[in-house]
Amino acid sequence: MPSVKFSSKRLKYIHDLALVDPELINFQMGHWQAGEVPIGNYSALSHIEAINELVPILDKLFREVGWQPLKSVLS
């Protein structure tokens, strides 16, 4: 069986993602099944709370990989 080597930066990234609720990852990525739509009429998930929890995590990850915000022509 081949061994997989991860850098310490990669392991930290994996650890940080492991702390995120899988439901929030599905919400962000759009990966949900029928009956689990997080922004549906009968959903108990607050999209405002989900976004407020995800933004700091995503901002941190984006900074770590060097992404920078760009001004949108839409805003």
C-alpha atoms as a PDB file:
ATOM      1  CA  MET A   1       0.000   0.000   0.000  1.00  0.00           C
ATOM      2  CA  PRO A   2       1.550   3.353  -0.998  1.00  0.00           C
ATOM      3  CA  SER A   3       2.144   5.851   1.764  1.00  0.00           C
ATOM      4  CA  VAL A   4       0.831   9.374   1.401  1.00  0.00           C
ATOM      5  CA  LYS A   5       2.943  12.232   2.716  1.00  0.00           C
ATOM      6  CA  PHE A   6       1.301  15.520   3.634  1.00  0.00           C
ATOM      7  CA  SER A   7       3.066  18.761   4.385  1.00  0.00           C
ATOM      8  CA  SER A   8       2.408  20.349   7.764  1.00  0.00           C
ATOM      9  CA  LYS A   9       0.470  23.112   5.980  1.00  0.00           C
ATOM     10  CA  ARG A  10      -1.742  20.514   4.279  1.00  0.00           C
ATOM     11  CA  LEU A  11      -2.335  18.686   7.571  1.00  0.00           C
ATOM     12  CA  LYS A  12      -3.342  21.976   9.239  1.00  0.00           C
ATOM     13  CA  TYR A  13      -5.775  22.668   6.377  1.00  0.00           C
ATOM     14  CA  ILE A  14      -7.302  19.190   6.739  1.00  0.00           C
ATOM     15  CA  HIS A  15      -7.559  19.669  10.517  1.00  0.00           C
ATOM     16  CA  ASP A  16      -9.266  23.066  10.117  1.00  0.00           C
ATOM     17  CA  LEU A  17     -11.800  21.625   7.673  1.00  0.00           C
ATOM     18  CA  ALA A  18     -12.494  18.706  10.008  1.00  0.00           C
ATOM     19  CA  LEU A  19     -13.738  21.232  12.580  1.00  0.00           C
ATOM     20  CA  VAL A  20     -16.430  22.524  10.191  1.00  0.00           C
ATOM     21  CA  ASP A  21     -19.904  21.019  10.469  1.00  0.00           C
ATOM     22  CA  PRO A  22     -20.452  18.810   7.373  1.00  0.00           C
ATOM     23  CA  GLU A  23     -23.896  20.363   6.945  1.00  0.00           C
ATOM     24  CA  LEU A  24     -22.235  23.767   6.493  1.00  0.00           C
ATOM     25  CA  ILE A  25     -19.841  22.350   3.909  1.00  0.00           C
ATOM     26  CA  ASN A  26     -22.786  20.893   2.002  1.00  0.00           C
ATOM     27  CA  PHE A  27     -24.563  24.250   2.268  1.00  0.00           C
ATOM     28  CA  GLN A  28     -21.552  26.100   0.834  1.00  0.00           C
ATOM     29  CA  MET A  29     -20.818  23.567  -1.896  1.00  0.00           C
ATOM     30  CA  GLY A  30     -24.426  22.922  -2.881  1.00  0.00           C
ATOM     31  CA  HIS A  31     -24.098  19.200  -2.129  1.00  0.00           C
ATOM     32  CA  TRP A  32     -27.387  18.115  -0.653  1.00  0.00           C
ATOM     33  CA  GLN A  33     -29.985  15.480  -1.358  1.00  0.00           C
ATOM     34  CA  ALA A  34     -33.702  15.837  -2.049  1.00  0.00           C
ATOM     35  CA  GLY A  35     -35.419  16.759   1.201  1.00  0.00           C
ATOM     36  CA  GLU A  36     -32.249  18.319   2.640  1.00  0.00           C
ATOM     37  CA  VAL A  37     -32.237  21.637   0.791  1.00  0.00           C
ATOM     38  CA  PRO A  38     -30.838  24.073   3.388  1.00  0.00           C
ATOM     39  CA  ILE A  39     -32.655  27.114   2.040  1.00  0.00           C
ATOM     40  CA  GLY A  40     -35.980  25.431   1.336  1.00  0.00           C
ATOM     41  CA  ASN A  41     -39.312  26.594   2.758  1.00  0.00           C
ATOM     42  CA  TYR A  42     -39.264  24.059   5.577  1.00  0.00           C
ATOM     43  CA  SER A  43     -35.562  24.066   6.389  1.00  0.00           C
ATOM     44  CA  ALA A  44     -34.536  24.554  10.027  1.00  0.00           C
ATOM     45  CA  LEU A  45     -31.093  25.802   8.945  1.00  0.00           C
ATOM     46  CA  SER A  46     -30.673  29.554   9.277  1.00  0.00           C
ATOM     47  CA  HIS A  47     -28.738  30.629   6.200  1.00  0.00           C
ATOM     48  CA  ILE A  48     -27.678  33.831   7.996  1.00  0.00           C
ATOM     49  CA  GLU A  49     -26.160  31.828  10.880  1.00  0.00           C
ATOM     50  CA  ALA A  50     -24.539  29.396   8.431  1.00  0.00           C
ATOM     51  CA  ILE A  51     -22.963  32.236   6.459  1.00  0.00           C
ATOM     52  CA  ASN A  52     -21.800  33.985   9.641  1.00  0.00           C
ATOM     53  CA  GLU A  53     -20.106  30.774  10.756  1.00  0.00           C
ATOM     54  CA  LEU A  54     -18.539  30.012   7.371  1.00  0.00           C
ATOM     55  CA  VAL A  55     -17.176  33.462   6.445  1.00  0.00           C
ATOM     56  CA  PRO A  56     -14.359  33.596   9.031  1.00  0.00           C
ATOM     57  CA  ILE A  57     -13.308  30.031   8.191  1.00  0.00           C
ATOM     58  CA  LEU A  58     -13.312  30.664   4.446  1.00  0.00           C
ATOM     59  CA  ASP A  59     -11.544  34.013   4.841  1.00  0.00           C
ATOM     60  CA  LYS A  60      -8.781  32.311   6.827  1.00  0.00           C
ATOM     61  CA  LEU A  61      -8.387  29.519   4.275  1.00  0.00           C
ATOM     62  CA  PHE A  62      -8.365  31.975   1.365  1.00  0.00           C
ATOM     63  CA  ARG A  63      -5.657  34.069   3.053  1.00  0.00           C
ATOM     64  CA  GLU A  64      -3.556  30.962   3.677  1.00  0.00           C
ATOM     65  CA  VAL A  65      -3.585  29.997  -0.004  1.00  0.00           C
ATOM     66  CA  GLY A  66      -3.031  33.569  -1.174  1.00  0.00           C
ATOM     67  CA  TRP A  67      -6.436  34.395  -2.634  1.00  0.00           C
ATOM     68  CA  GLN A  68      -7.326  38.070  -2.701  1.00  0.00           C
ATOM     69  CA  PRO A  69     -10.734  39.696  -3.090  1.00  0.00           C
ATOM     70  CA  LEU A  70     -11.525  41.458  -6.353  1.00  0.00           C
ATOM     71  CA  LYS A  71     -14.095  44.179  -6.755  1.00  0.00           C
ATOM     72  CA  SER A  72     -17.131  42.867  -8.555  1.00  0.00           C
ATOM     73  CA  VAL A  73     -18.816  44.781 -11.361  1.00  0.00           C
ATOM     74  CA  LEU A  74     -22.100  43.608  -9.805  1.00  0.00           C
ATOM     75  CA  SER A  75     -21.655  45.464  -6.525  1.00  0.00           C
END
